[in-house]
Amino acid sequence: MYTLYGSRGSGSAAVEAALVVAGVPWQGVEAASWEASEGLEALKRINPLAQIPTLVSPGGDVLTESAAILIALGLAHPESGLLSTDAAARDRSVRGLVYIAANCYAAIGVIDYPERWCTSDDKAVLDMVRKGTRQRLHELWERFADQFPAAPWLGGERLGALDLLASVVSRWSGTRPHLAAARPDFHALLQRIDHAPSVAAVFDRHWPPRG
């Protein structure tokens, strides 16, 4: 059985959705670096950075980094469709996963914790860092939307790992409202991913529908 360390509304939602798509048994451990808990202490013992998601495989291997976890699950469970069996489509998915992790996800870290990336503790300076990084984040998503058209999904013919990570990471720092205006077709695709029957319940648990 897989063990997933994560928290509601975090990047662990993408891995949870991938485990559901793969149809494999798993258990969750509530853990987040921003909240003291037994789960967090257990997480620190296997991942000193206390990052979520962290996934422990049935064989005991510790997997970290969202994109790497999703790629590993796709390779371990090829029948799931998390990664396409078509080489070209699979390569595009891997590229897209790394793009989101290296660019969009990284920018979120700066927005959430600007003090880690700036020598000043002045609030006005930190707010400027946040504002500039948020603008850059939205530009990065525009470039992603332009380079990764759906056919009919981002990863090919089936809902896959790239769709799941895009759905989750695009929910933060005002990205969805920005894309609704700047890239409406891509925004519509994200909404289609959100409501895909196989994963809608996962996303609704992490982000309950309003009203």
N, C-alpha and C. Protein backbone atom coordinates (compact mmCIF):
# COMPACT_ATOMS: atom_id res chain seq x y z
N MET A 1 0.84 -1.20 0.00
CA MET A 1 0.00 0.00 0.00
C MET A 1 0.88 1.25 0.00
N TYR A 2 0.50 2.25 -0.81
CA TYR A 2 1.18 3.53 -0.80
C TYR A 2 0.74 4.33 0.43
N THR A 3 1.64 5.16 0.93
CA THR A 3 1.32 6.09 2.01
C THR A 3 1.62 7.50 1.54
N LEU A 4 0.60 8.35 1.55
CA LEU A 4 0.73 9.72 1.06
C LEU A 4 0.66 10.70 2.23
N TYR A 5 1.71 11.49 2.40
CA TYR A 5 1.74 12.56 3.39
C TYR A 5 1.29 13.84 2.69
N GLY A 6 0.25 14.47 3.25
CA GLY A 6 -0.26 15.67 2.61
C GLY A 6 -1.28 16.37 3.47
N SER A 7 -1.87 17.41 2.89
CA SER A 7 -2.84 18.22 3.60
C SER A 7 -3.88 18.73 2.61
N ARG A 8 -5.07 18.99 3.10
CA ARG A 8 -6.15 19.44 2.22
C ARG A 8 -5.81 20.78 1.60
N GLY A 9 -6.06 20.90 0.30
CA GLY A 9 -5.81 22.12 -0.42
C GLY A 9 -4.36 22.33 -0.82
N SER A 10 -3.55 21.31 -0.64
CA SER A 10 -2.12 21.41 -0.98
C SER A 10 -1.82 20.64 -2.26
N GLY A 11 -0.54 20.63 -2.63
CA GLY A 11 -0.13 19.90 -3.82
C GLY A 11 -0.33 18.41 -3.74
N SER A 12 -0.56 17.90 -2.53
CA SER A 12 -0.79 16.46 -2.40
C SER A 12 -2.08 16.03 -3.09
N ALA A 13 -2.96 16.99 -3.40
CA ALA A 13 -4.21 16.65 -4.09
C ALA A 13 -3.92 16.02 -5.45
N ALA A 14 -2.89 16.50 -6.14
CA ALA A 14 -2.57 15.95 -7.46
C ALA A 14 -2.13 14.50 -7.35
N VAL A 15 -1.34 14.18 -6.32
CA VAL A 15 -0.88 12.80 -6.14
C VAL A 15 -2.03 11.92 -5.68
N GLU A 16 -2.88 12.44 -4.81
CA GLU A 16 -4.06 11.68 -4.40
C GLU A 16 -4.92 11.32 -5.61
N ALA A 17 -5.14 12.30 -6.48
CA ALA A 17 -5.94 12.05 -7.68
C ALA A 17 -5.26 11.00 -8.56
N ALA A 18 -3.94 11.06 -8.66
CA ALA A 18 -3.21 10.08 -9.47
C ALA A 18 -3.34 8.68 -8.90
N LEU A 19 -3.30 8.55 -7.59
CA LEU A 19 -3.48 7.23 -6.96
C LEU A 19 -4.87 6.69 -7.24
N VAL A 20 -5.87 7.57 -7.23
CA VAL A 20 -7.24 7.16 -7.55
C VAL A 20 -7.33 6.72 -9.00
N VAL A 21 -6.75 7.49 -9.90
CA VAL A 21 -6.77 7.13 -11.32
C VAL A 21 -6.08 5.79 -11.54
N ALA A 22 -4.97 5.57 -10.84
CA ALA A 22 -4.23 4.31 -10.98
C ALA A 22 -4.96 3.14 -10.35
N GLY A 23 -5.91 3.42 -9.46
CA GLY A 23 -6.69 2.35 -8.83
C GLY A 23 -5.87 1.49 -7.88
N VAL A 24 -4.91 2.09 -7.20
CA VAL A 24 -4.05 1.34 -6.29
C VAL A 24 -4.43 1.65 -4.84
N PRO A 25 -4.21 0.73 -3.92
CA PRO A 25 -4.53 0.99 -2.51
C PRO A 25 -3.54 1.99 -1.90
N TRP A 26 -4.06 2.89 -1.09
CA TRP A 26 -3.20 3.88 -0.45
C TRP A 26 -3.86 4.36 0.84
N GLN A 27 -3.03 4.92 1.69
CA GLN A 27 -3.52 5.53 2.92
C GLN A 27 -2.91 6.91 3.06
N GLY A 28 -3.64 7.81 3.69
CA GLY A 28 -3.17 9.17 3.84
C GLY A 28 -2.73 9.47 5.25
N VAL A 29 -1.72 10.31 5.38
CA VAL A 29 -1.26 10.82 6.67
C VAL A 29 -1.32 12.34 6.61
N GLU A 30 -2.11 12.95 7.49
CA GLU A 30 -2.23 14.39 7.51
C GLU A 30 -0.93 15.00 8.03
N ALA A 31 -0.33 15.83 7.21
CA ALA A 31 0.94 16.45 7.60
C ALA A 31 1.13 17.73 6.80
N ALA A 32 1.58 18.78 7.47
CA ALA A 32 1.88 20.04 6.81
C ALA A 32 2.93 20.76 7.63
N SER A 33 3.90 21.37 6.96
CA SER A 33 5.00 22.01 7.65
C SER A 33 4.55 23.18 8.51
N TRP A 34 3.39 23.74 8.22
CA TRP A 34 2.90 24.93 8.92
C TRP A 34 2.02 24.59 10.13
N GLU A 35 1.89 23.28 10.46
CA GLU A 35 1.02 22.90 11.57
C GLU A 35 1.62 21.70 12.30
N ALA A 36 1.91 21.89 13.58
CA ALA A 36 2.50 20.81 14.38
C ALA A 36 1.52 19.64 14.49
N SER A 37 2.03 18.43 14.29
CA SER A 37 1.19 17.24 14.39
C SER A 37 2.07 16.01 14.44
N GLU A 38 1.48 14.89 14.84
CA GLU A 38 2.23 13.64 14.81
C GLU A 38 2.61 13.28 13.38
N GLY A 39 1.72 13.60 12.44
CA GLY A 39 2.01 13.33 11.04
C GLY A 39 3.22 14.10 10.55
N LEU A 40 3.35 15.35 10.99
CA LEU A 40 4.50 16.15 10.59
C LEU A 40 5.79 15.56 11.13
N GLU A 41 5.78 15.11 12.37
CA GLU A 41 6.98 14.51 12.94
C GLU A 41 7.36 13.24 12.20
N ALA A 42 6.35 12.45 11.82
CA ALA A 42 6.62 11.25 11.04
C ALA A 42 7.18 11.60 9.67
N LEU A 43 6.65 12.67 9.07
CA LEU A 43 7.14 13.11 7.77
C LEU A 43 8.60 13.55 7.85
N LYS A 44 8.96 14.29 8.89
CA LYS A 44 10.33 14.77 9.04
C LYS A 44 11.33 13.63 9.11
N ARG A 45 10.87 12.49 9.63
CA ARG A 45 11.79 11.35 9.76
C ARG A 45 12.15 10.75 8.41
N ILE A 46 11.29 10.93 7.43
CA ILE A 46 11.58 10.35 6.12
C ILE A 46 11.93 11.41 5.08
N ASN A 47 11.56 12.66 5.35
CA ASN A 47 11.86 13.77 4.44
C ASN A 47 12.23 14.98 5.29
N PRO A 48 13.51 15.22 5.52
CA PRO A 48 13.93 16.30 6.41
C PRO A 48 13.42 17.68 6.00
N LEU A 49 13.08 17.88 4.72
CA LEU A 49 12.52 19.16 4.29
C LEU A 49 11.05 19.30 4.66
N ALA A 50 10.45 18.20 5.12
CA ALA A 50 9.03 18.20 5.52
C ALA A 50 8.12 18.69 4.40
N GLN A 51 8.45 18.33 3.17
CA GLN A 51 7.65 18.75 2.02
C GLN A 51 6.45 17.83 1.83
N ILE A 52 5.36 18.43 1.43
CA ILE A 52 4.23 17.64 0.95
C ILE A 52 3.95 18.07 -0.48
N PRO A 53 3.60 17.07 -1.32
CA PRO A 53 3.41 15.66 -0.98
C PRO A 53 4.72 14.90 -0.84
N THR A 54 4.69 13.90 0.03
CA THR A 54 5.72 12.87 0.09
C THR A 54 4.98 11.54 0.01
N LEU A 55 5.47 10.66 -0.84
CA LEU A 55 4.80 9.37 -1.05
C LEU A 55 5.78 8.25 -0.73
N VAL A 56 5.31 7.29 0.05
CA VAL A 56 6.10 6.09 0.34
C VAL A 56 5.50 4.94 -0.45
N SER A 57 6.32 4.29 -1.25
CA SER A 57 5.84 3.21 -2.11
C SER A 57 5.59 1.95 -1.29
N PRO A 58 4.87 0.98 -1.85
CA PRO A 58 4.66 -0.29 -1.13
C PRO A 58 5.97 -0.97 -0.74
N GLY A 59 7.02 -0.71 -1.48
CA GLY A 59 8.31 -1.31 -1.15
C GLY A 59 9.13 -0.51 -0.16
N GLY A 60 8.59 0.66 0.27
CA GLY A 60 9.27 1.46 1.27
C GLY A 60 10.11 2.59 0.71
N ASP A 61 10.13 2.78 -0.61
CA ASP A 61 10.90 3.87 -1.20
C ASP A 61 10.18 5.20 -0.94
N VAL A 62 10.95 6.23 -0.60
CA VAL A 62 10.40 7.55 -0.33
C VAL A 62 10.49 8.39 -1.61
N LEU A 63 9.36 8.88 -2.06
CA LEU A 63 9.28 9.69 -3.28
C LEU A 63 8.88 11.10 -2.89
N THR A 64 9.63 12.09 -3.39
CA THR A 64 9.32 13.49 -3.14
C THR A 64 9.29 14.25 -4.47
N GLU A 65 8.83 15.49 -4.41
CA GLU A 65 8.69 16.37 -5.58
C GLU A 65 7.51 15.91 -6.44
N SER A 66 6.49 16.76 -6.52
CA SER A 66 5.23 16.38 -7.16
C SER A 66 5.40 15.80 -8.56
N ALA A 67 6.19 16.49 -9.39
CA ALA A 67 6.36 16.02 -10.76
C ALA A 67 7.02 14.64 -10.78
N ALA A 68 8.04 14.45 -9.95
CA ALA A 68 8.73 13.17 -9.91
C ALA A 68 7.81 12.06 -9.42
N ILE A 69 6.98 12.36 -8.43
CA ILE A 69 6.04 11.36 -7.93
C ILE A 69 5.06 10.95 -9.02
N LEU A 70 4.52 11.92 -9.74
CA LEU A 70 3.54 11.63 -10.78
C LEU A 70 4.17 10.83 -11.92
N ILE A 71 5.40 11.16 -12.28
CA ILE A 71 6.09 10.40 -13.32
C ILE A 71 6.33 8.97 -12.85
N ALA A 72 6.76 8.82 -11.60
CA ALA A 72 7.02 7.48 -11.05
C ALA A 72 5.75 6.65 -11.04
N LEU A 73 4.63 7.25 -10.66
CA LEU A 73 3.36 6.51 -10.65
C LEU A 73 2.95 6.13 -12.07
N GLY A 74 3.15 7.04 -13.01
CA GLY A 74 2.81 6.73 -14.40
C GLY A 74 3.63 5.59 -14.95
N LEU A 75 4.90 5.54 -14.60
CA LEU A 75 5.78 4.46 -15.08
C LEU A 75 5.46 3.14 -14.38
N ALA A 76 5.11 3.22 -13.09
CA ALA A 76 4.82 2.00 -12.34
C ALA A 76 3.47 1.40 -12.72
N HIS A 77 2.57 2.24 -13.21
CA HIS A 77 1.21 1.78 -13.54
C HIS A 77 0.85 2.26 -14.95
N PRO A 78 1.47 1.70 -15.97
CA PRO A 78 1.26 2.18 -17.35
C PRO A 78 -0.18 2.05 -17.83
N GLU A 79 -0.90 1.10 -17.24
CA GLU A 79 -2.29 0.90 -17.66
C GLU A 79 -3.21 2.04 -17.20
N SER A 80 -2.73 2.87 -16.27
CA SER A 80 -3.56 3.93 -15.70
C SER A 80 -3.80 5.09 -16.66
N GLY A 81 -2.89 5.28 -17.63
CA GLY A 81 -2.98 6.43 -18.51
C GLY A 81 -2.39 7.69 -17.93
N LEU A 82 -1.79 7.62 -16.73
CA LEU A 82 -1.17 8.81 -16.15
C LEU A 82 -0.08 9.35 -17.08
N LEU A 83 0.65 8.45 -17.73
CA LEU A 83 1.56 8.80 -18.81
C LEU A 83 1.14 8.04 -20.05
N SER A 84 1.12 8.69 -21.17
CA SER A 84 0.68 8.05 -22.41
C SER A 84 1.65 6.94 -22.82
N THR A 85 1.13 5.93 -23.49
CA THR A 85 1.98 4.89 -24.06
C THR A 85 2.61 5.35 -25.37
N ASP A 86 2.07 6.45 -25.94
CA ASP A 86 2.66 7.04 -27.13
C ASP A 86 3.89 7.85 -26.72
N ALA A 87 5.02 7.57 -27.32
CA ALA A 87 6.29 8.17 -26.87
C ALA A 87 6.27 9.69 -26.96
N ALA A 88 5.75 10.24 -28.05
CA ALA A 88 5.75 11.69 -28.22
C ALA A 88 4.85 12.36 -27.18
N ALA A 89 3.68 11.78 -26.97
CA ALA A 89 2.76 12.35 -25.97
C ALA A 89 3.34 12.22 -24.57
N ARG A 90 4.00 11.10 -24.31
CA ARG A 90 4.62 10.91 -22.99
C ARG A 90 5.72 11.94 -22.76
N ASP A 91 6.52 12.18 -23.78
CA ASP A 91 7.59 13.18 -23.65
C ASP A 91 7.02 14.56 -23.37
N ARG A 92 5.92 14.91 -24.05
CA ARG A 92 5.30 16.22 -23.80
C ARG A 92 4.80 16.31 -22.37
N SER A 93 4.24 15.21 -21.86
CA SER A 93 3.74 15.22 -20.49
C SER A 93 4.87 15.41 -19.49
N VAL A 94 5.97 14.71 -19.70
CA VAL A 94 7.10 14.85 -18.79
C VAL A 94 7.63 16.29 -18.84
N ARG A 95 7.72 16.84 -20.05
CA ARG A 95 8.16 18.23 -20.18
C ARG A 95 7.21 19.16 -19.44
N GLY A 96 5.91 18.96 -19.61
CA GLY A 96 4.93 19.82 -18.96
C GLY A 96 4.97 19.70 -17.45
N LEU A 97 5.15 18.50 -16.93
CA LEU A 97 5.23 18.30 -15.49
C LEU A 97 6.43 19.04 -14.91
N VAL A 98 7.56 18.93 -15.58
CA VAL A 98 8.76 19.61 -15.09
C VAL A 98 8.61 21.13 -15.24
N TYR A 99 7.97 21.58 -16.32
CA TYR A 99 7.72 23.02 -16.51
C TYR A 99 6.93 23.57 -15.32
N ILE A 100 5.84 22.91 -14.96
CA ILE A 100 5.01 23.41 -13.87
C ILE A 100 5.80 23.40 -12.56
N ALA A 101 6.53 22.33 -12.31
CA ALA A 101 7.28 22.23 -11.06
C ALA A 101 8.39 23.28 -10.98
N ALA A 102 9.13 23.43 -12.07
CA ALA A 102 10.30 24.32 -12.06
C ALA A 102 9.92 25.78 -12.14
N ASN A 103 8.79 26.10 -12.76
CA ASN A 103 8.42 27.49 -12.98
C ASN A 103 7.24 27.92 -12.09
N CYS A 104 6.09 27.32 -12.30
CA CYS A 104 4.88 27.76 -11.61
C CYS A 104 4.89 27.40 -10.12
N TYR A 105 5.20 26.15 -9.82
CA TYR A 105 5.23 25.73 -8.42
C TYR A 105 6.31 26.50 -7.67
N ALA A 106 7.47 26.69 -8.31
CA ALA A 106 8.56 27.42 -7.67
C ALA A 106 8.15 28.85 -7.35
N ALA A 107 7.42 29.48 -8.26
CA ALA A 107 6.97 30.86 -8.02
C ALA A 107 6.02 30.93 -6.83
N ILE A 108 5.19 29.92 -6.66
CA ILE A 108 4.27 29.89 -5.51
C ILE A 108 5.07 29.94 -4.21
N GLY A 109 6.19 29.23 -4.16
CA GLY A 109 7.02 29.23 -2.97
C GLY A 109 7.54 30.62 -2.63
N VAL A 110 7.88 31.39 -3.65
CA VAL A 110 8.34 32.75 -3.42
C VAL A 110 7.19 33.64 -2.94
N ILE A 111 6.02 33.49 -3.52
CA ILE A 111 4.86 34.28 -3.12
C ILE A 111 4.47 33.98 -1.67
N ASP A 112 4.50 32.71 -1.30
CA ASP A 112 4.10 32.31 0.05
C ASP A 112 5.15 32.68 1.10
N TYR A 113 6.41 32.58 0.72
CA TYR A 113 7.49 32.81 1.69
C TYR A 113 8.56 33.73 1.09
N PRO A 114 8.24 34.99 0.80
CA PRO A 114 9.22 35.87 0.16
C PRO A 114 10.45 36.12 1.04
N GLU A 115 10.27 36.01 2.35
CA GLU A 115 11.40 36.25 3.26
C GLU A 115 12.52 35.24 3.09
N ARG A 116 12.21 34.09 2.49
CA ARG A 116 13.24 33.09 2.24
C ARG A 116 14.13 33.48 1.07
N TRP A 117 13.68 34.43 0.27
CA TRP A 117 14.38 34.77 -0.97
C TRP A 117 14.83 36.23 -0.99
N CYS A 118 14.69 36.91 0.14
CA CYS A 118 15.01 38.33 0.18
C CYS A 118 15.73 38.64 1.49
N THR A 119 16.77 39.45 1.43
CA THR A 119 17.52 39.78 2.64
C THR A 119 16.83 40.85 3.49
N SER A 120 15.84 41.50 2.95
CA SER A 120 15.12 42.54 3.68
C SER A 120 13.92 41.95 4.40
N ASP A 121 13.62 42.48 5.59
CA ASP A 121 12.41 42.08 6.30
C ASP A 121 11.36 43.18 6.28
N ASP A 122 11.59 44.20 5.43
CA ASP A 122 10.65 45.30 5.30
C ASP A 122 9.39 44.81 4.59
N LYS A 123 8.23 45.05 5.18
CA LYS A 123 6.96 44.55 4.62
C LYS A 123 6.72 45.08 3.22
N ALA A 124 7.05 46.34 2.98
CA ALA A 124 6.82 46.91 1.65
C ALA A 124 7.68 46.21 0.61
N VAL A 125 8.90 45.88 0.98
CA VAL A 125 9.78 45.18 0.05
C VAL A 125 9.24 43.77 -0.23
N LEU A 126 8.83 43.07 0.83
CA LEU A 126 8.31 41.72 0.66
C LEU A 126 7.03 41.73 -0.18
N ASP A 127 6.21 42.75 0.01
CA ASP A 127 4.99 42.85 -0.80
C ASP A 127 5.33 43.08 -2.27
N MET A 128 6.39 43.84 -2.54
CA MET A 128 6.83 44.05 -3.92
C MET A 128 7.32 42.74 -4.54
N VAL A 129 8.03 41.95 -3.74
CA VAL A 129 8.49 40.65 -4.22
C VAL A 129 7.29 39.78 -4.58
N ARG A 130 6.30 39.76 -3.70
CA ARG A 130 5.09 38.97 -3.96
C ARG A 130 4.40 39.44 -5.25
N LYS A 131 4.22 40.75 -5.37
CA LYS A 131 3.51 41.29 -6.53
C LYS A 131 4.22 40.95 -7.83
N GLY A 132 5.54 41.16 -7.85
CA GLY A 132 6.30 40.87 -9.07
C GLY A 132 6.30 39.39 -9.41
N THR A 133 6.40 38.55 -8.38
CA THR A 133 6.41 37.11 -8.62
C THR A 133 5.06 36.62 -9.10
N ARG A 134 3.99 37.18 -8.54
CA ARG A 134 2.64 36.80 -8.99
C ARG A 134 2.44 37.18 -10.46
N GLN A 135 2.91 38.35 -10.85
CA GLN A 135 2.81 38.74 -12.26
C GLN A 135 3.58 37.78 -13.14
N ARG A 136 4.78 37.42 -12.71
CA ARG A 136 5.59 36.46 -13.47
C ARG A 136 4.90 35.09 -13.52
N LEU A 137 4.30 34.67 -12.42
CA LEU A 137 3.59 33.39 -12.39
C LEU A 137 2.49 33.36 -13.44
N HIS A 138 1.71 34.42 -13.51
CA HIS A 138 0.62 34.45 -14.48
C HIS A 138 1.14 34.43 -15.91
N GLU A 139 2.27 35.11 -16.15
CA GLU A 139 2.88 35.06 -17.48
C GLU A 139 3.34 33.64 -17.81
N LEU A 140 3.89 32.94 -16.83
CA LEU A 140 4.35 31.57 -17.05
C LEU A 140 3.18 30.65 -17.41
N TRP A 141 2.03 30.87 -16.78
CA TRP A 141 0.86 30.06 -17.12
C TRP A 141 0.35 30.39 -18.52
N GLU A 142 0.43 31.63 -18.92
CA GLU A 142 0.05 31.98 -20.29
C GLU A 142 0.93 31.23 -21.28
N ARG A 143 2.23 31.20 -21.04
CA ARG A 143 3.15 30.50 -21.93
C ARG A 143 2.84 29.01 -21.94
N PHE A 144 2.50 28.46 -20.77
CA PHE A 144 2.14 27.05 -20.71
C PHE A 144 0.91 26.77 -21.56
N ALA A 145 -0.11 27.60 -21.40
CA ALA A 145 -1.35 27.42 -22.17
C ALA A 145 -1.08 27.47 -23.67
N ASP A 146 -0.15 28.29 -24.09
CA ASP A 146 0.16 28.42 -25.51
C ASP A 146 0.94 27.22 -26.05
N GLN A 147 1.72 26.56 -25.19
CA GLN A 147 2.60 25.49 -25.63
C GLN A 147 2.04 24.09 -25.44
N PHE A 148 0.99 23.96 -24.62
CA PHE A 148 0.48 22.62 -24.32
C PHE A 148 -1.03 22.56 -24.60
N PRO A 149 -1.40 22.50 -25.88
CA PRO A 149 -2.82 22.40 -26.22
C PRO A 149 -3.38 21.04 -25.84
N ALA A 150 -4.66 21.01 -25.55
CA ALA A 150 -5.33 19.76 -25.18
C ALA A 150 -5.64 18.94 -26.42
N ALA A 151 -5.43 17.61 -26.32
CA ALA A 151 -5.68 16.75 -27.48
C ALA A 151 -6.16 15.35 -27.06
N PRO A 152 -7.33 15.16 -26.48
CA PRO A 152 -8.23 16.16 -25.90
C PRO A 152 -7.83 16.60 -24.50
N TRP A 153 -6.85 15.87 -23.91
CA TRP A 153 -6.31 16.24 -22.61
C TRP A 153 -4.87 16.71 -22.80
N LEU A 154 -4.31 17.30 -21.77
CA LEU A 154 -2.94 17.80 -21.88
C LEU A 154 -1.94 16.69 -22.16
N GLY A 155 -2.24 15.49 -21.65
CA GLY A 155 -1.32 14.37 -21.83
C GLY A 155 -1.64 13.46 -22.98
N GLY A 156 -2.68 13.78 -23.73
CA GLY A 156 -3.04 12.92 -24.85
C GLY A 156 -4.50 12.53 -24.84
N GLU A 157 -4.77 11.27 -25.13
CA GLU A 157 -6.15 10.80 -25.29
C GLU A 157 -6.87 10.53 -23.97
N ARG A 158 -6.11 10.40 -22.88
CA ARG A 158 -6.73 10.09 -21.59
C ARG A 158 -6.30 11.13 -20.55
N LEU A 159 -7.16 11.32 -19.56
CA LEU A 159 -6.80 12.17 -18.43
C LEU A 159 -5.52 11.63 -17.81
N GLY A 160 -4.53 12.50 -17.62
CA GLY A 160 -3.24 12.01 -17.13
C GLY A 160 -2.61 12.89 -16.08
N ALA A 161 -1.37 12.56 -15.77
CA ALA A 161 -0.65 13.23 -14.70
C ALA A 161 -0.52 14.73 -14.93
N LEU A 162 -0.26 15.14 -16.16
CA LEU A 162 -0.09 16.56 -16.44
C LEU A 162 -1.39 17.32 -16.19
N ASP A 163 -2.51 16.74 -16.54
CA ASP A 163 -3.80 17.37 -16.26
C ASP A 163 -3.97 17.59 -14.76
N LEU A 164 -3.64 16.58 -13.98
CA LEU A 164 -3.86 16.64 -12.54
C LEU A 164 -3.00 17.72 -11.89
N LEU A 165 -1.73 17.80 -12.27
CA LEU A 165 -0.86 18.81 -11.67
C LEU A 165 -1.28 20.21 -12.12
N ALA A 166 -1.66 20.37 -13.38
CA ALA A 166 -2.12 21.67 -13.86
C ALA A 166 -3.37 22.12 -13.11
N SER A 167 -4.29 21.20 -12.89
CA SER A 167 -5.51 21.54 -12.18
C SER A 167 -5.22 22.06 -10.78
N VAL A 168 -4.28 21.43 -10.09
CA VAL A 168 -4.00 21.79 -8.71
C VAL A 168 -3.19 23.08 -8.61
N VAL A 169 -2.08 23.17 -9.31
CA VAL A 169 -1.18 24.32 -9.15
C VAL A 169 -1.80 25.61 -9.68
N SER A 170 -2.71 25.49 -10.65
CA SER A 170 -3.35 26.69 -11.21
C SER A 170 -4.40 27.28 -10.28
N ARG A 171 -4.67 26.64 -9.15
CA ARG A 171 -5.69 27.13 -8.23
C ARG A 171 -5.17 28.23 -7.31
N TRP A 172 -3.89 28.48 -7.31
CA TRP A 172 -3.28 29.36 -6.31
C TRP A 172 -2.88 30.71 -6.89
N SER A 173 -2.81 31.69 -5.98
CA SER A 173 -2.27 33.03 -6.28
C SER A 173 -2.97 33.72 -7.45
N GLY A 174 -4.28 33.55 -7.53
CA GLY A 174 -5.05 34.29 -8.52
C GLY A 174 -4.89 33.83 -9.95
N THR A 175 -4.32 32.63 -10.13
CA THR A 175 -4.06 32.16 -11.50
C THR A 175 -5.34 31.89 -12.27
N ARG A 176 -6.30 31.24 -11.65
CA ARG A 176 -7.53 30.90 -12.39
C ARG A 176 -8.26 32.14 -12.89
N PRO A 177 -8.52 33.16 -12.06
CA PRO A 177 -9.17 34.36 -12.59
C PRO A 177 -8.37 35.02 -13.72
N HIS A 178 -7.05 35.01 -13.58
CA HIS A 178 -6.22 35.60 -14.63
C HIS A 178 -6.39 34.83 -15.93
N LEU A 179 -6.35 33.49 -15.86
CA LEU A 179 -6.47 32.70 -17.08
C LEU A 179 -7.87 32.79 -17.69
N ALA A 180 -8.87 32.97 -16.85
CA ALA A 180 -10.23 33.10 -17.38
C ALA A 180 -10.31 34.28 -18.34
N ALA A 181 -9.54 35.34 -18.04
CA ALA A 181 -9.53 36.51 -18.90
C ALA A 181 -8.50 36.40 -20.01
N ALA A 182 -7.30 35.88 -19.68
CA ALA A 182 -6.20 35.89 -20.64
C ALA A 182 -6.18 34.69 -21.57
N ARG A 183 -6.60 33.52 -21.08
CA ARG A 183 -6.60 32.29 -21.88
C ARG A 183 -7.87 31.50 -21.58
N PRO A 184 -9.03 32.01 -22.05
CA PRO A 184 -10.31 31.40 -21.68
C PRO A 184 -10.44 29.94 -22.10
N ASP A 185 -9.90 29.56 -23.23
CA ASP A 185 -10.00 28.15 -23.66
C ASP A 185 -9.23 27.24 -22.70
N PHE A 186 -8.07 27.68 -22.27
CA PHE A 186 -7.29 26.88 -21.33
C PHE A 186 -7.99 26.83 -19.97
N HIS A 187 -8.58 27.94 -19.57
CA HIS A 187 -9.33 27.97 -18.32
C HIS A 187 -10.49 26.97 -18.37
N ALA A 188 -11.15 26.90 -19.51
CA ALA A 188 -12.25 25.94 -19.66
C ALA A 188 -11.74 24.51 -19.56
N LEU A 189 -10.56 24.24 -20.11
CA LEU A 189 -9.97 22.91 -19.99
C LEU A 189 -9.70 22.57 -18.53
N LEU A 190 -9.16 23.52 -17.76
CA LEU A 190 -8.90 23.26 -16.35
C LEU A 190 -10.19 22.91 -15.62
N GLN A 191 -11.26 23.59 -15.95
CA GLN A 191 -12.54 23.27 -15.33
C GLN A 191 -13.03 21.88 -15.73
N ARG A 192 -12.75 21.49 -16.96
CA ARG A 192 -13.13 20.15 -17.40
C ARG A 192 -12.33 19.09 -16.64
N ILE A 193 -11.05 19.38 -16.39
CA ILE A 193 -10.24 18.46 -15.60
C ILE A 193 -10.80 18.37 -14.18
N ASP A 194 -11.13 19.51 -13.59
CA ASP A 194 -11.67 19.55 -12.23
C ASP A 194 -12.86 18.61 -12.07
N HIS A 195 -13.70 18.55 -13.12
CA HIS A 195 -14.96 17.82 -13.02
C HIS A 195 -14.92 16.46 -13.72
N ALA A 196 -13.74 16.01 -14.12
CA ALA A 196 -13.64 14.67 -14.72
C ALA A 196 -14.15 13.65 -13.71
N PRO A 197 -15.03 12.73 -14.11
CA PRO A 197 -15.67 11.82 -13.17
C PRO A 197 -14.71 11.05 -12.27
N SER A 198 -13.55 10.68 -12.79
CA SER A 198 -12.64 9.85 -12.00
C SER A 198 -11.96 10.60 -10.86
N VAL A 199 -11.91 11.94 -10.95
CA VAL A 199 -11.16 12.69 -9.94
C VAL A 199 -11.97 13.83 -9.30
N ALA A 200 -13.18 14.06 -9.75
CA ALA A 200 -13.96 15.19 -9.24
C ALA A 200 -14.13 15.12 -7.73
N ALA A 201 -14.36 13.92 -7.19
CA ALA A 201 -14.56 13.79 -5.74
C ALA A 201 -13.31 14.17 -4.97
N VAL A 202 -12.15 13.85 -5.52
CA VAL A 202 -10.89 14.22 -4.87
C VAL A 202 -10.77 15.73 -4.80
N PHE A 203 -10.96 16.39 -5.93
CA PHE A 203 -10.82 17.84 -5.95
C PHE A 203 -11.89 18.53 -5.12
N ASP A 204 -13.10 17.98 -5.09
CA ASP A 204 -14.16 18.58 -4.29
C ASP A 204 -13.85 18.46 -2.80
N ARG A 205 -13.16 17.41 -2.41
CA ARG A 205 -12.79 17.27 -1.00
C ARG A 205 -11.73 18.30 -0.62
N HIS A 206 -10.80 18.55 -1.51
CA HIS A 206 -9.74 19.52 -1.23
C HIS A 206 -10.24 20.96 -1.37
N TRP A 207 -11.12 21.18 -2.34
CA TRP A 207 -11.67 22.52 -2.57
C TRP A 207 -13.19 22.39 -2.70
N PRO A 208 -13.90 22.35 -1.57
CA PRO A 208 -15.36 22.14 -1.62
C PRO A 208 -16.04 23.19 -2.49
N PRO A 209 -17.00 22.75 -3.31
CA PRO A 209 -17.71 23.70 -4.18
C PRO A 209 -18.45 24.74 -3.32
N ARG A 210 -18.48 25.96 -3.83
CA ARG A 210 -19.16 27.02 -3.10
C ARG A 210 -20.65 27.02 -3.38
N GLY A 211 -21.40 27.36 -2.35
CA GLY A 211 -22.84 27.54 -2.51
C GLY A 211 -23.58 26.29 -2.77
